[in-house]
Protein backbone atom coordinates (compact mmCIF):
# COMPACT_ATOMS: atom_id res chain seq x y z
CA GLN A 1 -1.79 -23.81 52.73
CA VAL A 2 -4.82 -21.81 51.71
CA GLN A 3 -4.28 -18.10 52.07
CA LEU A 4 -7.11 -15.63 52.62
CA VAL A 5 -6.59 -11.89 52.24
CA GLU A 6 -9.28 -9.47 53.37
CA SER A 7 -9.56 -5.92 52.09
CA GLY A 8 -12.04 -3.07 51.93
CA GLY A 9 -12.20 -2.06 55.56
CA GLY A 10 -12.02 1.51 56.72
CA LEU A 11 -13.78 4.35 58.49
CA VAL A 12 -17.42 5.01 57.67
CA GLN A 13 -20.17 7.10 59.24
CA PRO A 14 -23.27 5.51 60.77
CA GLY A 15 -25.72 4.64 58.04
CA GLY A 16 -22.95 4.27 55.49
CA SER A 17 -21.79 1.28 53.49
CA LEU A 18 -18.65 -0.74 52.90
CA ARG A 19 -17.86 -3.79 50.82
CA LEU A 20 -15.28 -6.22 52.13
CA SER A 21 -13.42 -8.64 49.89
CA CYS A 22 -11.75 -11.95 50.68
CA ALA A 23 -9.37 -13.24 48.04
CA ALA A 24 -8.59 -16.94 48.45
CA SER A 25 -5.71 -18.99 47.10
CA GLY A 26 -7.80 -22.16 47.36
CA SER A 27 -11.03 -22.87 45.52
CA ILE A 28 -14.09 -21.40 47.19
CA ASN A 29 -16.72 -23.19 45.13
CA ILE A 30 -16.01 -26.48 46.93
CA ALA A 31 -15.85 -24.88 50.36
CA SER A 32 -18.05 -23.11 52.84
CA MET A 33 -17.05 -19.50 53.31
CA GLY A 34 -17.87 -17.21 56.17
CA TRP A 35 -17.36 -13.78 57.63
CA TYR A 36 -16.68 -13.28 61.32
CA ARG A 37 -15.93 -10.21 63.39
CA GLN A 38 -14.24 -9.43 66.67
CA ALA A 39 -14.40 -6.22 68.67
CA PRO A 40 -11.88 -5.42 71.43
CA GLY A 41 -12.69 -7.34 74.60
CA LYS A 42 -15.27 -9.51 72.86
CA GLN A 43 -15.26 -13.01 71.44
CA ARG A 44 -15.14 -13.57 67.73
CA GLU A 45 -18.66 -13.93 66.37
CA TRP A 46 -20.07 -15.34 63.18
CA VAL A 47 -21.63 -12.79 60.85
CA ALA A 48 -22.53 -14.47 57.55
CA GLY A 49 -21.88 -17.63 55.59
CA ILE A 50 -22.26 -19.13 52.15
CA THR A 51 -22.11 -22.87 51.49
CA SER A 52 -20.43 -24.57 48.57
CA GLY A 53 -23.89 -24.82 47.03
CA GLY A 54 -24.47 -21.08 47.34
CA THR A 55 -26.87 -21.05 50.27
CA THR A 56 -26.46 -17.96 52.45
CA ASN A 57 -27.20 -17.34 56.10
CA TYR A 58 -26.79 -14.40 58.46
CA ALA A 59 -26.59 -13.54 62.10
CA ASP A 60 -29.73 -11.85 63.37
CA SER A 61 -27.77 -8.69 64.15
CA VAL A 62 -26.91 -8.11 60.48
CA LYS A 63 -29.85 -9.70 58.68
CA GLY A 64 -31.34 -7.33 56.15
CA ARG A 65 -28.26 -5.08 56.20
CA PHE A 66 -25.38 -7.34 55.12
CA THR A 67 -25.10 -9.53 52.04
CA ILE A 68 -22.52 -12.25 51.45
CA SER A 69 -21.73 -13.20 47.88
CA ARG A 70 -19.00 -14.84 45.83
CA ASP A 71 -17.33 -14.55 42.46
CA ILE A 72 -16.08 -18.03 41.64
CA ALA A 73 -14.07 -16.85 38.64
CA LYS A 74 -12.19 -14.41 40.87
CA ASN A 75 -12.09 -16.87 43.78
CA THR A 76 -13.30 -14.03 45.96
CA VAL A 77 -15.99 -13.71 48.61
CA TYR A 78 -17.61 -10.39 49.44
CA LEU A 79 -19.51 -8.89 52.32
CA GLN A 80 -21.65 -5.91 51.39
CA MET A 81 -22.43 -3.95 54.54
CA ASN A 82 -25.20 -1.34 54.44
CA SER A 83 -26.85 0.80 57.11
CA LEU A 84 -23.80 0.42 59.29
CA LYS A 85 -24.08 0.98 63.02
CA SER A 86 -21.49 1.75 65.66
CA GLU A 87 -21.86 -1.78 67.02
CA ASP A 88 -20.60 -3.11 63.68
CA THR A 89 -17.15 -1.75 64.54
CA ALA A 90 -14.75 -4.70 64.63
CA VAL A 91 -12.01 -6.52 62.82
CA TYR A 92 -13.67 -8.63 60.15
CA TYR A 93 -12.22 -12.03 59.28
CA CYS A 94 -12.78 -14.33 56.34
CA ARG A 95 -12.93 -18.08 56.93
CA ARG A 96 -12.75 -21.02 54.53
CA SER A 97 -13.97 -24.43 55.63
CA TYR A 98 -13.33 -27.56 53.59
CA GLY A 99 -13.81 -30.95 55.15
CA ILE A 100 -12.17 -30.75 58.55
CA ARG A 101 -9.83 -27.96 57.47
CA ASN A 102 -10.35 -24.34 58.46
CA ASP A 103 -8.35 -21.36 57.22
CA TRP A 104 -8.55 -17.77 58.42
CA GLY A 105 -7.50 -14.46 57.01
CA GLN A 106 -5.71 -11.85 59.08
CA GLY A 107 -8.64 -9.47 59.16
CA THR A 108 -9.57 -5.98 58.07
CA GLN A 109 -10.64 -3.17 60.40
CA VAL A 110 -14.10 -1.65 60.07
CA THR A 111 -14.81 1.45 62.14
CA VAL A 112 -18.26 3.04 62.19
CA SER A 113 -18.09 6.46 63.78
CA SER A 114 -19.21 10.05 63.35
């Protein structure tokens, strides 16, 4: 099975930045990759995505602040998060979609607090 391992989460002050990484055991250049997040008591929500062709898209709540990118040679997807707000606090999950198959990482905690 495809394994996804997120890293880069942590504690950051409002207005700060973090870069999350998602290392995949399966090829990402043939798959659609996405970042999702889930706060306690809330449903998991989509944050950003990048298609196999490299097209990116973002949720309105993060547009202009977050950037999704990939390094095909490293088989790794990134989420650069700038101008972080308290409402960005959540566990962030990486997702790989290929055909009808979907694989999820176990998540990395991002906490935005003073």
